[in-house]
Amino acid sequence: MNSRKRQLIEDIQNLLNTYSGVSATTINSELLEFIDENTLISIIDSLLVQKEEAKESDLEWLEKFKKQEN
């Protein structure tokens, strides 16, 4: 496995481990060895979109909570 692919898999693992309240994730790189780089990049993009949507949802909730407090 080339170093770029190894880095992409590590990036996916790091993104998965940024979710609070979720157990640490370890990815066996041998299982993902057959996945091409474009697919790995697509997985990273999908994880980033999910994180952004979760952040937006949290901000919306916070704004509603602030309005209820006033």
PDB file of N, CA and C in Angstrom:
ATOM      1  N   MET A   1       0.859  -1.177   0.000  1.00  0.00           N
ATOM      2  CA  MET A   1       0.000   0.000   0.000  1.00  0.00           C
ATOM      3  C   MET A   1       0.900   1.233   0.000  1.00  0.00           C
ATOM      4  N   ASN A   2       0.536   2.192  -0.843  1.00  0.00           N
ATOM      5  CA  ASN A   2       1.371   3.390  -0.924  1.00  0.00           C
ATOM      6  C   ASN A   2       1.090   4.338   0.250  1.00  0.00           C
ATOM      7  N   SER A   3       2.003   5.274   0.418  1.00  0.00           N
ATOM      8  CA  SER A   3       1.900   6.169   1.570  1.00  0.00           C
ATOM      9  C   SER A   3       0.684   7.090   1.481  1.00  0.00           C
ATOM     10  N   ARG A   4       0.297   7.483   0.279  1.00  0.00           N
ATOM     11  CA  ARG A   4      -0.892   8.348   0.121  1.00  0.00           C
ATOM     12  C   ARG A   4      -2.140   7.625   0.610  1.00  0.00           C
ATOM     13  N   LYS A   5      -2.279   6.385   0.207  1.00  0.00           N
ATOM     14  CA  LYS A   5      -3.435   5.591   0.613  1.00  0.00           C
ATOM     15  C   LYS A   5      -3.426   5.375   2.123  1.00  0.00           C
ATOM     16  N   ARG A   6      -2.267   5.100   2.664  1.00  0.00           N
ATOM     17  CA  ARG A   6      -2.131   4.915   4.114  1.00  0.00           C
ATOM     18  C   ARG A   6      -2.546   6.189   4.848  1.00  0.00           C
ATOM     19  N   GLN A   7      -2.148   7.352   4.309  1.00  0.00           N
ATOM     20  CA  GLN A   7      -2.508   8.633   4.923  1.00  0.00           C
ATOM     21  C   GLN A   7      -4.015   8.876   4.852  1.00  0.00           C
ATOM     22  N   LEU A   8      -4.634   8.538   3.738  1.00  0.00           N
ATOM     23  CA  LEU A   8      -6.081   8.707   3.605  1.00  0.00           C
ATOM     24  C   LEU A   8      -6.826   7.852   4.628  1.00  0.00           C
ATOM     25  N   ILE A   9      -6.381   6.622   4.814  1.00  0.00           N
ATOM     26  CA  ILE A   9      -7.017   5.737   5.796  1.00  0.00           C
ATOM     27  C   ILE A   9      -6.828   6.300   7.202  1.00  0.00           C
ATOM     28  N   GLU A  10      -5.655   6.828   7.476  1.00  0.00           N
ATOM     29  CA  GLU A  10      -5.409   7.446   8.775  1.00  0.00           C
ATOM     30  C   GLU A  10      -6.297   8.672   8.973  1.00  0.00           C
ATOM     31  N   ASP A  11      -6.486   9.458   7.908  1.00  0.00           N
ATOM     32  CA  ASP A  11      -7.364  10.630   7.980  1.00  0.00           C
ATOM     33  C   ASP A  11      -8.805  10.215   8.292  1.00  0.00           C
ATOM     34  N   ILE A  12      -9.265   9.143   7.670  1.00  0.00           N
ATOM     35  CA  ILE A  12     -10.618   8.641   7.942  1.00  0.00           C
ATOM     36  C   ILE A  12     -10.729   8.238   9.405  1.00  0.00           C
ATOM     37  N   GLN A  13      -9.744   7.518   9.885  1.00  0.00           N
ATOM     38  CA  GLN A  13      -9.743   7.083  11.285  1.00  0.00           C
ATOM     39  C   GLN A  13      -9.754   8.292  12.216  1.00  0.00           C
ATOM     40  N   ASN A  14      -8.958   9.301  11.917  1.00  0.00           N
ATOM     41  CA  ASN A  14      -8.916  10.503  12.758  1.00  0.00           C
ATOM     42  C   ASN A  14     -10.253  11.240  12.753  1.00  0.00           C
ATOM     43  N   LEU A  15     -10.889  11.331  11.587  1.00  0.00           N
ATOM     44  CA  LEU A  15     -12.200  11.978  11.522  1.00  0.00           C
ATOM     45  C   LEU A  15     -13.229  11.223  12.349  1.00  0.00           C
ATOM     46  N   LEU A  16     -13.208   9.904  12.260  1.00  0.00           N
ATOM     47  CA  LEU A  16     -14.150   9.103  13.043  1.00  0.00           C
ATOM     48  C   LEU A  16     -13.925   9.280  14.536  1.00  0.00           C
ATOM     49  N   ASN A  17     -12.705   9.519  14.928  1.00  0.00           N
ATOM     50  CA  ASN A  17     -12.382   9.653  16.347  1.00  0.00           C
ATOM     51  C   ASN A  17     -12.622  11.052  16.890  1.00  0.00           C
ATOM     52  N   THR A  18     -13.112  11.969  16.065  1.00  0.00           N
ATOM     53  CA  THR A  18     -13.406  13.311  16.564  1.00  0.00           C
ATOM     54  C   THR A  18     -14.825  13.431  17.108  1.00  0.00           C
ATOM     55  N   TYR A  19     -15.648  12.404  16.923  1.00  0.00           N
ATOM     56  CA  TYR A  19     -17.005  12.433  17.455  1.00  0.00           C
ATOM     57  C   TYR A  19     -16.952  12.209  18.958  1.00  0.00           C
ATOM     58  N   SER A  20     -17.530  13.137  19.713  1.00  0.00           N
ATOM     59  CA  SER A  20     -17.525  12.992  21.168  1.00  0.00           C
ATOM     60  C   SER A  20     -18.521  11.920  21.597  1.00  0.00           C
ATOM     61  N   GLY A  21     -18.164  11.205  22.636  1.00  0.00           N
ATOM     62  CA  GLY A  21     -19.044  10.180  23.179  1.00  0.00           C
ATOM     63  C   GLY A  21     -19.034   8.875  22.401  1.00  0.00           C
ATOM     64  N   VAL A  22     -18.136   8.745  21.445  1.00  0.00           N
ATOM     65  CA  VAL A  22     -18.046   7.528  20.648  1.00  0.00           C
ATOM     66  C   VAL A  22     -16.691   6.888  20.909  1.00  0.00           C
ATOM     67  N   SER A  23     -16.686   5.579  21.085  1.00  0.00           N
ATOM     68  CA  SER A  23     -15.435   4.870  21.338  1.00  0.00           C
ATOM     69  C   SER A  23     -14.449   5.101  20.206  1.00  0.00           C
ATOM     70  N   ALA A  24     -13.173   5.042  20.553  1.00  0.00           N
ATOM     71  CA  ALA A  24     -12.119   5.222  19.555  1.00  0.00           C
ATOM     72  C   ALA A  24     -12.234   4.162  18.467  1.00  0.00           C
ATOM     73  N   THR A  25     -11.997   4.599  17.242  1.00  0.00           N
ATOM     74  CA  THR A  25     -12.082   3.715  16.094  1.00  0.00           C
ATOM     75  C   THR A  25     -10.680   3.410  15.579  1.00  0.00           C
ATOM     76  N   THR A  26     -10.432   2.151  15.337  1.00  0.00           N
ATOM     77  CA  THR A  26      -9.186   1.734  14.726  1.00  0.00           C
ATOM     78  C   THR A  26      -9.535   1.000  13.446  1.00  0.00           C
ATOM     79  N   ILE A  27      -8.923   1.416  12.351  1.00  0.00           N
ATOM     80  CA  ILE A  27      -9.211   0.796  11.062  1.00  0.00           C
ATOM     81  C   ILE A  27      -8.051  -0.105  10.683  1.00  0.00           C
ATOM     82  N   ASN A  28      -8.390  -1.332  10.361  1.00  0.00           N
ATOM     83  CA  ASN A  28      -7.384  -2.269   9.867  1.00  0.00           C
ATOM     84  C   ASN A  28      -7.139  -1.921   8.400  1.00  0.00           C
ATOM     85  N   SER A  29      -5.984  -1.336   8.133  1.00  0.00           N
ATOM     86  CA  SER A  29      -5.689  -0.864   6.776  1.00  0.00           C
ATOM     87  C   SER A  29      -5.685  -1.995   5.755  1.00  0.00           C
ATOM     88  N   GLU A  30      -5.445  -3.212   6.184  1.00  0.00           N
ATOM     89  CA  GLU A  30      -5.465  -4.343   5.256  1.00  0.00           C
ATOM     90  C   GLU A  30      -6.872  -4.570   4.696  1.00  0.00           C
ATOM     91  N   LEU A  31      -7.887  -4.237   5.476  1.00  0.00           N
ATOM     92  CA  LEU A  31      -9.263  -4.399   5.004  1.00  0.00           C
ATOM     93  C   LEU A  31      -9.640  -3.352   3.961  1.00  0.00           C
ATOM     94  N   LEU A  32      -9.003  -2.190   4.032  1.00  0.00           N
ATOM     95  CA  LEU A  32      -9.313  -1.119   3.094  1.00  0.00           C
ATOM     96  C   LEU A  32      -8.330  -1.061   1.930  1.00  0.00           C
ATOM     97  N   GLU A  33      -7.392  -1.961   1.899  1.00  0.00           N
ATOM     98  CA  GLU A  33      -6.361  -1.957   0.871  1.00  0.00           C
ATOM     99  C   GLU A  33      -6.934  -2.015  -0.544  1.00  0.00           C
ATOM    100  N   PHE A  34      -8.053  -2.697  -0.713  1.00  0.00           N
ATOM    101  CA  PHE A  34      -8.650  -2.866  -2.042  1.00  0.00           C
ATOM    102  C   PHE A  34      -9.409  -1.632  -2.518  1.00  0.00           C
ATOM    103  N   ILE A  35      -9.652  -0.671  -1.638  1.00  0.00           N
ATOM    104  CA  ILE A  35     -10.403   0.530  -2.007  1.00  0.00           C
ATOM    105  C   ILE A  35      -9.463   1.530  -2.667  1.00  0.00           C
ATOM    106  N   ASP A  36      -9.891   2.090  -3.793  1.00  0.00           N
ATOM    107  CA  ASP A  36      -9.032   3.033  -4.508  1.00  0.00           C
ATOM    108  C   ASP A  36      -9.021   4.394  -3.799  1.00  0.00           C
ATOM    109  N   GLU A  37      -8.053   5.212  -4.150  1.00  0.00           N
ATOM    110  CA  GLU A  37      -7.872   6.511  -3.492  1.00  0.00           C
ATOM    111  C   GLU A  37      -9.086   7.418  -3.653  1.00  0.00           C
ATOM    112  N   ASN A  38      -9.711   7.414  -4.818  1.00  0.00           N
ATOM    113  CA  ASN A  38     -10.884   8.269  -5.031  1.00  0.00           C
ATOM    114  C   ASN A  38     -12.024   7.904  -4.092  1.00  0.00           C
ATOM    115  N   THR A  39     -12.196   6.618  -3.839  1.00  0.00           N
ATOM    116  CA  THR A  39     -13.246   6.182  -2.918  1.00  0.00           C
ATOM    117  C   THR A  39     -12.904   6.600  -1.498  1.00  0.00           C
ATOM    118  N   LEU A  40     -11.646   6.484  -1.116  1.00  0.00           N
ATOM    119  CA  LEU A  40     -11.224   6.919   0.217  1.00  0.00           C
ATOM    120  C   LEU A  40     -11.451   8.424   0.383  1.00  0.00           C
ATOM    121  N   ILE A  41     -11.151   9.185  -0.645  1.00  0.00           N
ATOM    122  CA  ILE A  41     -11.377  10.631  -0.596  1.00  0.00           C
ATOM    123  C   ILE A  41     -12.875  10.925  -0.491  1.00  0.00           C
ATOM    124  N   SER A  42     -13.672  10.150  -1.182  1.00  0.00           N
ATOM    125  CA  SER A  42     -15.121  10.304  -1.106  1.00  0.00           C
ATOM    126  C   SER A  42     -15.628  10.020   0.313  1.00  0.00           C
ATOM    127  N   ILE A  43     -15.056   9.026   0.967  1.00  0.00           N
ATOM    128  CA  ILE A  43     -15.426   8.710   2.356  1.00  0.00           C
ATOM    129  C   ILE A  43     -15.078   9.892   3.258  1.00  0.00           C
ATOM    130  N   ILE A  44     -13.911  10.467   3.055  1.00  0.00           N
ATOM    131  CA  ILE A  44     -13.499  11.628   3.851  1.00  0.00           C
ATOM    132  C   ILE A  44     -14.465  12.788   3.617  1.00  0.00           C
ATOM    133  N   ASP A  45     -14.795  13.048   2.359  1.00  0.00           N
ATOM    134  CA  ASP A  45     -15.746  14.125   2.044  1.00  0.00           C
ATOM    135  C   ASP A  45     -17.081  13.899   2.748  1.00  0.00           C
ATOM    136  N   SER A  46     -17.557  12.671   2.722  1.00  0.00           N
ATOM    137  CA  SER A  46     -18.831  12.333   3.356  1.00  0.00           C
ATOM    138  C   SER A  46     -18.772  12.560   4.867  1.00  0.00           C
ATOM    139  N   LEU A  47     -17.674  12.166   5.482  1.00  0.00           N
ATOM    140  CA  LEU A  47     -17.520  12.377   6.928  1.00  0.00           C
ATOM    141  C   LEU A  47     -17.480  13.862   7.262  1.00  0.00           C
ATOM    142  N   LEU A  48     -16.800  14.644   6.432  1.00  0.00           N
ATOM    143  CA  LEU A  48     -16.740  16.088   6.669  1.00  0.00           C
ATOM    144  C   LEU A  48     -18.114  16.737   6.531  1.00  0.00           C
ATOM    145  N   VAL A  49     -18.893  16.300   5.550  1.00  0.00           N
ATOM    146  CA  VAL A  49     -20.252  16.824   5.367  1.00  0.00           C
ATOM    147  C   VAL A  49     -21.108  16.473   6.585  1.00  0.00           C
ATOM    148  N   GLN A  50     -20.986  15.244   7.065  1.00  0.00           N
ATOM    149  CA  GLN A  50     -21.758  14.827   8.239  1.00  0.00           C
ATOM    150  C   GLN A  50     -21.392  15.664   9.453  1.00  0.00           C
ATOM    151  N   LYS A  51     -20.101  15.927   9.627  1.00  0.00           N
ATOM    152  CA  LYS A  51     -19.668  16.742  10.762  1.00  0.00           C
ATOM    153  C   LYS A  51     -20.212  18.158  10.644  1.00  0.00           C
ATOM    154  N   GLU A  52     -20.192  18.719   9.436  1.00  0.00           N
ATOM    155  CA  GLU A  52     -20.700  20.071   9.232  1.00  0.00           C
ATOM    156  C   GLU A  52     -22.203  20.131   9.501  1.00  0.00           C
ATOM    157  N   GLU A  53     -22.937  19.145   9.029  1.00  0.00           N
ATOM    158  CA  GLU A  53     -24.389  19.117   9.265  1.00  0.00           C
ATOM    159  C   GLU A  53     -24.693  18.971  10.750  1.00  0.00           C
ATOM    160  N   ALA A  54     -23.902  18.163  11.447  1.00  0.00           N
ATOM    161  CA  ALA A  54     -24.107  18.006  12.889  1.00  0.00           C
ATOM    162  C   ALA A  54     -23.825  19.321  13.614  1.00  0.00           C
ATOM    163  N   LYS A  55     -22.795  20.019  13.163  1.00  0.00           N
ATOM    164  CA  LYS A  55     -22.446  21.299  13.771  1.00  0.00           C
ATOM    165  C   LYS A  55     -23.567  22.311  13.553  1.00  0.00           C
ATOM    166  N   GLU A  56     -24.107  22.351  12.331  1.00  0.00           N
ATOM    167  CA  GLU A  56     -25.205  23.270  12.027  1.00  0.00           C
ATOM    168  C   GLU A  56     -26.429  22.950  12.869  1.00  0.00           C
ATOM    169  N   SER A  57     -26.715  21.677  13.036  1.00  0.00           N
ATOM    170  CA  SER A  57     -27.848  21.245  13.843  1.00  0.00           C
ATOM    171  C   SER A  57     -27.658  21.672  15.298  1.00  0.00           C
ATOM    172  N   ASP A  58     -26.433  21.522  15.807  1.00  0.00           N
ATOM    173  CA  ASP A  58     -26.133  21.934  17.177  1.00  0.00           C
ATOM    174  C   ASP A  58     -26.308  23.438  17.342  1.00  0.00           C
ATOM    175  N   LEU A  59     -25.874  24.197  16.340  1.00  0.00           N
ATOM    176  CA  LEU A  59     -26.013  25.655  16.410  1.00  0.00           C
ATOM    177  C   LEU A  59     -27.482  26.074  16.379  1.00  0.00           C
ATOM    178  N   GLU A  60     -28.267  25.404  15.545  1.00  0.00           N
ATOM    179  CA  GLU A  60     -29.705  25.696  15.493  1.00  0.00           C
ATOM    180  C   GLU A  60     -30.345  25.426  16.849  1.00  0.00           C
ATOM    181  N   TRP A  61     -29.998  24.301  17.457  1.00  0.00           N
ATOM    182  CA  TRP A  61     -30.547  23.956  18.765  1.00  0.00           C
ATOM    183  C   TRP A  61     -30.136  24.997  19.794  1.00  0.00           C
ATOM    184  N   LEU A  62     -28.871  25.418  19.755  1.00  0.00           N
ATOM    185  CA  LEU A  62     -28.373  26.400  20.702  1.00  0.00           C
ATOM    186  C   LEU A  62     -29.122  27.723  20.553  1.00  0.00           C
ATOM    187  N   GLU A  63     -29.368  28.144  19.329  1.00  0.00           N
ATOM    188  CA  GLU A  63     -30.105  29.387  19.091  1.00  0.00           C
ATOM    189  C   GLU A  63     -31.531  29.292  19.648  1.00  0.00           C
ATOM    190  N   LYS A  64     -32.185  28.160  19.433  1.00  0.00           N
ATOM    191  CA  LYS A  64     -33.539  27.961  19.972  1.00  0.00           C
ATOM    192  C   LYS A  64     -33.514  27.993  21.497  1.00  0.00           C
ATOM    193  N   PHE A  65     -32.497  27.382  22.073  1.00  0.00           N
ATOM    194  CA  PHE A  65     -32.362  27.338  23.529  1.00  0.00           C
ATOM    195  C   PHE A  65     -32.160  28.752  24.077  1.00  0.00           C
ATOM    196  N   LYS A  66     -31.327  29.539  23.401  1.00  0.00           N
ATOM    197  CA  LYS A  66     -31.088  30.916  23.835  1.00  0.00           C
ATOM    198  C   LYS A  66     -32.376  31.722  23.824  1.00  0.00           C
ATOM    199  N   LYS A  67     -33.183  31.532  22.771  1.00  0.00           N
ATOM    200  CA  LYS A  67     -34.441  32.274  22.662  1.00  0.00           C
ATOM    201  C   LYS A  67     -35.405  31.879  23.763  1.00  0.00           C
ATOM    202  N   GLN A  68     -35.403  30.620  24.163  1.00  0.00           N
ATOM    203  CA  GLN A  68     -36.281  30.158  25.231  1.00  0.00           C
ATOM    204  C   GLN A  68     -35.859  30.728  26.569  1.00  0.00           C
ATOM    205  N   GLU A  69     -34.577  30.960  26.753  1.00  0.00           N
ATOM    206  CA  GLU A  69     -34.066  31.497  28.003  1.00  0.00           C
ATOM    207  C   GLU A  69     -34.448  32.958  28.187  1.00  0.00           C
ATOM    208  N   ASN A  70     -34.640  33.676  27.100  1.00  0.00           N
ATOM    209  CA  ASN A  70     -34.946  35.125  27.175  1.00  0.00           C
ATOM    210  C   ASN A  70     -36.383  35.358  27.308  1.00  0.00           C
TER     211      ASN A  70
END
